[in-house]
Amino acid sequence: MPYALLADLALLSHLGFILFVLFGAFAVRRWPRLAWLHLPAAAWGTLVELTGWFCPLTDLENHWRRLAGQAGYAGSCIDRYLTALIYPDGLSRSLQIILGLAVLVINLTLYVGLIRARHREAP
């Protein structure tokens, strides 16, 4: 049972990381030092999508699922509702590239707006 819980926590961490990659620049506006964490995370998220790499959290989750005696993602409500969000059906290579470019464009847009706002606030 603890391995199933660890696998669910890995999945939740994965979702949290994805949300941080996509929307962390909003938090950077409030806490500018967070950029030191968000920029590498956004770069990693972009690289994973553009190159087709797998996030290590996926391997960790699958490892714990196997240790828990589970196969696939049928089990808890976390699996039922979050897995499809993180690993959608029909995720092709071209769609991954589009998602990677979307991550890049979203973050560039947010950071350009952040930099412009800072320049306007400067005396």
N, C-alpha and C. Protein backbone atom coordinates (compact mmCIF):
# COMPACT_ATOMS: atom_id res chain seq x y z
N MET A 1 0.80 -1.22 0.00
CA MET A 1 0.00 0.00 0.00
C MET A 1 0.84 1.27 0.00
N PRO A 2 1.97 1.33 0.71
CA PRO A 2 2.74 2.59 0.67
C PRO A 2 3.28 2.91 -0.73
N TYR A 3 3.54 1.87 -1.54
CA TYR A 3 4.05 2.14 -2.89
C TYR A 3 2.97 2.78 -3.76
N ALA A 4 1.73 2.37 -3.59
CA ALA A 4 0.64 2.98 -4.35
C ALA A 4 0.50 4.45 -3.96
N LEU A 5 0.63 4.74 -2.68
CA LEU A 5 0.56 6.13 -2.22
C LEU A 5 1.72 6.94 -2.78
N LEU A 6 2.92 6.37 -2.78
CA LEU A 6 4.08 7.06 -3.35
C LEU A 6 3.87 7.32 -4.84
N ALA A 7 3.30 6.35 -5.54
CA ALA A 7 3.02 6.54 -6.97
C ALA A 7 2.02 7.67 -7.19
N ASP A 8 0.98 7.71 -6.35
CA ASP A 8 0.00 8.80 -6.45
C ASP A 8 0.64 10.14 -6.15
N LEU A 9 1.52 10.18 -5.17
CA LEU A 9 2.23 11.43 -4.84
C LEU A 9 3.14 11.86 -5.99
N ALA A 10 3.77 10.90 -6.64
CA ALA A 10 4.61 11.23 -7.81
C ALA A 10 3.75 11.82 -8.92
N LEU A 11 2.56 11.25 -9.12
CA LEU A 11 1.65 11.78 -10.14
C LEU A 11 1.20 13.19 -9.80
N LEU A 12 0.86 13.42 -8.54
CA LEU A 12 0.47 14.77 -8.12
C LEU A 12 1.63 15.75 -8.25
N SER A 13 2.84 15.30 -7.92
CA SER A 13 4.02 16.15 -8.10
C SER A 13 4.22 16.49 -9.56
N HIS A 14 3.99 15.51 -10.41
CA HIS A 14 4.11 15.71 -11.85
C HIS A 14 3.14 16.79 -12.32
N LEU A 15 1.90 16.69 -11.88
CA LEU A 15 0.90 17.69 -12.24
C LEU A 15 1.30 19.06 -11.70
N GLY A 16 1.75 19.11 -10.46
CA GLY A 16 2.18 20.39 -9.88
C GLY A 16 3.34 21.00 -10.65
N PHE A 17 4.28 20.15 -11.07
CA PHE A 17 5.42 20.64 -11.85
C PHE A 17 4.95 21.20 -13.19
N ILE A 18 4.03 20.50 -13.84
CA ILE A 18 3.50 20.98 -15.13
C ILE A 18 2.82 22.33 -14.96
N LEU A 19 2.01 22.46 -13.92
CA LEU A 19 1.33 23.74 -13.67
C LEU A 19 2.35 24.84 -13.35
N PHE A 20 3.39 24.51 -12.61
CA PHE A 20 4.44 25.48 -12.30
C PHE A 20 5.17 25.91 -13.57
N VAL A 21 5.46 24.95 -14.46
CA VAL A 21 6.12 25.27 -15.73
C VAL A 21 5.25 26.23 -16.54
N LEU A 22 3.96 25.94 -16.62
CA LEU A 22 3.07 26.75 -17.44
C LEU A 22 2.75 28.11 -16.84
N PHE A 23 2.55 28.17 -15.53
CA PHE A 23 2.02 29.39 -14.93
C PHE A 23 2.90 29.98 -13.83
N GLY A 24 4.10 29.45 -13.66
CA GLY A 24 4.99 29.93 -12.60
C GLY A 24 5.39 31.39 -12.76
N ALA A 25 5.37 31.89 -13.98
CA ALA A 25 5.74 33.30 -14.18
C ALA A 25 4.78 34.23 -13.46
N PHE A 26 3.53 33.81 -13.27
CA PHE A 26 2.60 34.63 -12.49
C PHE A 26 3.08 34.74 -11.04
N ALA A 27 3.60 33.65 -10.50
CA ALA A 27 4.13 33.68 -9.13
C ALA A 27 5.41 34.50 -9.06
N VAL A 28 6.18 34.49 -10.14
CA VAL A 28 7.43 35.27 -10.18
C VAL A 28 7.12 36.76 -10.07
N ARG A 29 6.00 37.16 -10.60
CA ARG A 29 5.63 38.57 -10.50
C ARG A 29 5.49 38.99 -9.04
N ARG A 30 4.94 38.10 -8.24
CA ARG A 30 4.75 38.39 -6.81
C ARG A 30 6.04 38.16 -6.02
N TRP A 31 6.77 37.08 -6.37
CA TRP A 31 8.01 36.71 -5.68
C TRP A 31 9.12 36.58 -6.72
N PRO A 32 9.79 37.67 -7.07
CA PRO A 32 10.78 37.67 -8.15
C PRO A 32 11.91 36.64 -8.01
N ARG A 33 12.29 36.33 -6.78
CA ARG A 33 13.38 35.35 -6.61
C ARG A 33 12.98 33.94 -7.05
N LEU A 34 11.70 33.71 -7.18
CA LEU A 34 11.21 32.41 -7.64
C LEU A 34 11.63 32.14 -9.09
N ALA A 35 12.03 33.18 -9.79
CA ALA A 35 12.48 33.01 -11.18
C ALA A 35 13.65 32.06 -11.27
N TRP A 36 14.47 32.00 -10.24
CA TRP A 36 15.63 31.09 -10.24
C TRP A 36 15.19 29.62 -10.24
N LEU A 37 13.99 29.35 -9.79
CA LEU A 37 13.44 28.00 -9.87
C LEU A 37 12.58 27.82 -11.12
N HIS A 38 11.83 28.87 -11.44
CA HIS A 38 10.89 28.73 -12.55
C HIS A 38 11.58 28.67 -13.92
N LEU A 39 12.57 29.50 -14.15
CA LEU A 39 13.22 29.50 -15.48
C LEU A 39 13.83 28.14 -15.83
N PRO A 40 14.58 27.49 -14.92
CA PRO A 40 15.07 26.15 -15.27
C PRO A 40 13.93 25.13 -15.43
N ALA A 41 12.89 25.26 -14.63
CA ALA A 41 11.75 24.35 -14.76
C ALA A 41 11.07 24.53 -16.12
N ALA A 42 10.88 25.78 -16.52
CA ALA A 42 10.26 26.06 -17.82
C ALA A 42 11.15 25.56 -18.96
N ALA A 43 12.45 25.73 -18.82
CA ALA A 43 13.38 25.23 -19.84
C ALA A 43 13.29 23.70 -19.92
N TRP A 44 13.28 23.04 -18.77
CA TRP A 44 13.17 21.58 -18.76
C TRP A 44 11.85 21.13 -19.40
N GLY A 45 10.75 21.75 -19.02
CA GLY A 45 9.46 21.39 -19.59
C GLY A 45 9.42 21.56 -21.09
N THR A 46 10.02 22.64 -21.56
CA THR A 46 10.08 22.88 -23.00
C THR A 46 10.93 21.82 -23.68
N LEU A 47 12.11 21.52 -23.12
CA LEU A 47 13.00 20.52 -23.70
C LEU A 47 12.35 19.13 -23.73
N VAL A 48 11.67 18.77 -22.66
CA VAL A 48 11.02 17.46 -22.61
C VAL A 48 10.02 17.33 -23.75
N GLU A 49 9.23 18.37 -23.97
CA GLU A 49 8.22 18.31 -25.04
C GLU A 49 8.85 18.37 -26.42
N LEU A 50 9.84 19.24 -26.61
CA LEU A 50 10.43 19.40 -27.94
C LEU A 50 11.29 18.21 -28.36
N THR A 51 11.92 17.55 -27.39
CA THR A 51 12.83 16.44 -27.72
C THR A 51 12.18 15.08 -27.60
N GLY A 52 11.01 15.01 -26.95
CA GLY A 52 10.36 13.72 -26.77
C GLY A 52 10.90 12.94 -25.60
N TRP A 53 11.69 13.58 -24.75
CA TRP A 53 12.20 12.92 -23.55
C TRP A 53 11.05 12.60 -22.61
N PHE A 54 11.33 11.74 -21.63
CA PHE A 54 10.36 11.45 -20.59
C PHE A 54 10.84 12.08 -19.29
N CYS A 55 9.91 12.61 -18.55
CA CYS A 55 10.23 13.19 -17.25
C CYS A 55 10.59 12.05 -16.29
N PRO A 56 11.62 12.22 -15.48
CA PRO A 56 11.99 11.18 -14.51
C PRO A 56 10.87 10.85 -13.52
N LEU A 57 9.95 11.78 -13.30
CA LEU A 57 8.82 11.48 -12.42
C LEU A 57 7.94 10.37 -12.98
N THR A 58 7.88 10.26 -14.31
CA THR A 58 7.11 9.19 -14.93
C THR A 58 7.71 7.84 -14.59
N ASP A 59 9.02 7.73 -14.74
CA ASP A 59 9.69 6.47 -14.41
C ASP A 59 9.55 6.13 -12.93
N LEU A 60 9.67 7.13 -12.08
CA LEU A 60 9.54 6.92 -10.64
C LEU A 60 8.14 6.44 -10.30
N GLU A 61 7.14 7.08 -10.88
CA GLU A 61 5.76 6.67 -10.63
C GLU A 61 5.52 5.24 -11.09
N ASN A 62 5.97 4.91 -12.30
CA ASN A 62 5.77 3.56 -12.82
C ASN A 62 6.50 2.52 -11.98
N HIS A 63 7.68 2.85 -11.50
CA HIS A 63 8.44 1.95 -10.62
C HIS A 63 7.63 1.64 -9.36
N TRP A 64 7.10 2.69 -8.73
CA TRP A 64 6.32 2.49 -7.51
C TRP A 64 5.02 1.74 -7.80
N ARG A 65 4.43 1.96 -8.94
CA ARG A 65 3.21 1.23 -9.29
C ARG A 65 3.51 -0.27 -9.43
N ARG A 66 4.63 -0.59 -10.07
CA ARG A 66 5.00 -2.00 -10.20
C ARG A 66 5.25 -2.62 -8.83
N LEU A 67 5.95 -1.88 -7.96
CA LEU A 67 6.19 -2.40 -6.60
C LEU A 67 4.89 -2.58 -5.82
N ALA A 68 3.89 -1.77 -6.16
CA ALA A 68 2.58 -1.88 -5.50
C ALA A 68 1.73 -2.98 -6.14
N GLY A 69 2.25 -3.62 -7.18
CA GLY A 69 1.49 -4.67 -7.84
C GLY A 69 0.45 -4.13 -8.81
N GLN A 70 0.58 -2.89 -9.20
CA GLN A 70 -0.38 -2.28 -10.13
C GLN A 70 0.17 -2.32 -11.55
N ALA A 71 -0.72 -2.39 -12.48
CA ALA A 71 -0.35 -2.29 -13.89
C ALA A 71 -1.13 -1.13 -14.48
N GLY A 72 -0.46 -0.30 -15.21
CA GLY A 72 -1.13 0.84 -15.82
C GLY A 72 -1.56 1.86 -14.79
N TYR A 73 -2.65 2.54 -15.08
CA TYR A 73 -3.09 3.61 -14.21
C TYR A 73 -4.51 3.40 -13.68
N ALA A 74 -4.98 2.16 -13.67
CA ALA A 74 -6.31 1.89 -13.12
C ALA A 74 -6.14 1.65 -11.63
N GLY A 75 -6.85 2.38 -10.83
CA GLY A 75 -6.72 2.18 -9.39
C GLY A 75 -7.45 3.24 -8.61
N SER A 76 -6.78 4.33 -8.36
CA SER A 76 -7.35 5.37 -7.50
C SER A 76 -8.03 6.46 -8.32
N CYS A 77 -8.71 7.33 -7.61
CA CYS A 77 -9.36 8.45 -8.31
C CYS A 77 -8.31 9.40 -8.86
N ILE A 78 -7.17 9.48 -8.21
CA ILE A 78 -6.08 10.32 -8.73
C ILE A 78 -5.70 9.83 -10.12
N ASP A 79 -5.54 8.51 -10.25
CA ASP A 79 -5.19 7.95 -11.55
C ASP A 79 -6.26 8.22 -12.59
N ARG A 80 -7.48 8.03 -12.20
CA ARG A 80 -8.59 8.16 -13.15
C ARG A 80 -8.70 9.56 -13.72
N TYR A 81 -8.48 10.58 -12.90
CA TYR A 81 -8.72 11.95 -13.34
C TYR A 81 -7.46 12.71 -13.74
N LEU A 82 -6.33 12.41 -13.15
CA LEU A 82 -5.13 13.19 -13.45
C LEU A 82 -4.25 12.57 -14.53
N THR A 83 -4.23 11.27 -14.63
CA THR A 83 -3.37 10.63 -15.61
C THR A 83 -3.72 11.07 -17.03
N ALA A 84 -5.00 11.11 -17.34
CA ALA A 84 -5.41 11.52 -18.69
C ALA A 84 -4.99 12.95 -18.98
N LEU A 85 -4.93 13.78 -17.95
CA LEU A 85 -4.50 15.16 -18.14
C LEU A 85 -3.00 15.23 -18.44
N ILE A 86 -2.22 14.42 -17.73
CA ILE A 86 -0.77 14.43 -17.91
C ILE A 86 -0.35 13.64 -19.14
N TYR A 87 -1.01 12.51 -19.38
CA TYR A 87 -0.68 11.64 -20.52
C TYR A 87 -1.91 11.46 -21.40
N PRO A 88 -2.31 12.48 -22.17
CA PRO A 88 -3.55 12.36 -22.96
C PRO A 88 -3.43 11.33 -24.07
N ASP A 89 -4.57 10.71 -24.41
CA ASP A 89 -4.61 9.80 -25.55
C ASP A 89 -4.28 10.57 -26.81
N GLY A 90 -3.60 9.93 -27.72
CA GLY A 90 -3.29 10.57 -29.00
C GLY A 90 -2.16 11.57 -28.92
N LEU A 91 -1.32 11.47 -27.90
CA LEU A 91 -0.19 12.39 -27.77
C LEU A 91 0.88 11.99 -28.78
N SER A 92 0.83 12.64 -29.94
CA SER A 92 1.77 12.33 -31.02
C SER A 92 3.02 13.21 -30.89
N ARG A 93 4.01 12.89 -31.67
CA ARG A 93 5.26 13.66 -31.66
C ARG A 93 4.99 15.11 -32.09
N SER A 94 4.17 15.30 -33.11
CA SER A 94 3.89 16.67 -33.57
C SER A 94 3.12 17.45 -32.50
N LEU A 95 2.21 16.78 -31.80
CA LEU A 95 1.49 17.45 -30.72
C LEU A 95 2.43 17.81 -29.57
N GLN A 96 3.41 16.93 -29.30
CA GLN A 96 4.40 17.24 -28.27
C GLN A 96 5.19 18.49 -28.63
N ILE A 97 5.57 18.63 -29.88
CA ILE A 97 6.31 19.80 -30.33
C ILE A 97 5.44 21.05 -30.19
N ILE A 98 4.19 20.96 -30.55
CA ILE A 98 3.27 22.09 -30.40
C ILE A 98 3.15 22.47 -28.92
N LEU A 99 3.02 21.47 -28.05
CA LEU A 99 2.94 21.74 -26.61
C LEU A 99 4.22 22.39 -26.09
N GLY A 100 5.36 21.90 -26.56
CA GLY A 100 6.63 22.49 -26.15
C GLY A 100 6.74 23.94 -26.59
N LEU A 101 6.33 24.23 -27.81
CA LEU A 101 6.35 25.60 -28.30
C LEU A 101 5.36 26.46 -27.53
N ALA A 102 4.21 25.88 -27.15
CA ALA A 102 3.23 26.62 -26.36
C ALA A 102 3.80 26.99 -24.99
N VAL A 103 4.51 26.05 -24.36
CA VAL A 103 5.17 26.34 -23.08
C VAL A 103 6.15 27.49 -23.25
N LEU A 104 6.92 27.44 -24.30
CA LEU A 104 7.91 28.49 -24.57
C LEU A 104 7.23 29.84 -24.80
N VAL A 105 6.20 29.88 -25.63
CA VAL A 105 5.51 31.13 -25.95
C VAL A 105 4.81 31.70 -24.71
N ILE A 106 4.13 30.84 -23.96
CA ILE A 106 3.45 31.31 -22.74
C ILE A 106 4.45 31.95 -21.79
N ASN A 107 5.56 31.27 -21.56
CA ASN A 107 6.53 31.81 -20.61
C ASN A 107 7.25 33.04 -21.14
N LEU A 108 7.59 33.06 -22.41
CA LEU A 108 8.20 34.27 -22.98
C LEU A 108 7.25 35.46 -22.86
N THR A 109 6.00 35.25 -23.17
CA THR A 109 5.01 36.32 -23.07
C THR A 109 4.89 36.83 -21.64
N LEU A 110 4.81 35.90 -20.68
CA LEU A 110 4.67 36.30 -19.28
C LEU A 110 5.91 37.03 -18.78
N TYR A 111 7.09 36.55 -19.15
CA TYR A 111 8.31 37.21 -18.68
C TYR A 111 8.53 38.56 -19.37
N VAL A 112 8.19 38.68 -20.64
CA VAL A 112 8.30 39.98 -21.30
C VAL A 112 7.38 40.98 -20.61
N GLY A 113 6.16 40.56 -20.30
CA GLY A 113 5.23 41.44 -19.56
C GLY A 113 5.77 41.80 -18.19
N LEU A 114 6.40 40.84 -17.52
CA LEU A 114 6.98 41.08 -16.21
C LEU A 114 8.12 42.10 -16.29
N ILE A 115 8.97 41.94 -17.28
CA ILE A 115 10.11 42.85 -17.45
C ILE A 115 9.60 44.25 -17.81
N ARG A 116 8.61 44.33 -18.67
CA ARG A 116 8.05 45.65 -19.03
C ARG A 116 7.43 46.33 -17.81
N ALA A 117 6.71 45.57 -17.00
CA ALA A 117 6.10 46.14 -15.80
C ALA A 117 7.17 46.64 -14.83
N ARG A 118 8.25 45.92 -14.70
CA ARG A 118 9.35 46.35 -13.82
C ARG A 118 9.99 47.64 -14.31
N HIS A 119 10.15 47.73 -15.64
CA HIS A 119 10.74 48.96 -16.19
C HIS A 119 9.83 50.16 -16.01
N ARG A 120 8.52 49.95 -16.08
CA ARG A 120 7.58 51.04 -15.85
C ARG A 120 7.58 51.49 -14.39
N GLU A 121 7.81 50.53 -13.48
CA GLU A 121 7.82 50.85 -12.04
C GLU A 121 9.11 51.52 -11.60
N ALA A 122 10.18 51.33 -12.36
CA ALA A 122 11.48 51.90 -11.98
C ALA A 122 11.42 53.43 -12.04
N PRO A 123 12.07 54.09 -11.07
CA PRO A 123 12.03 55.56 -11.05
C PRO A 123 12.82 56.18 -12.17
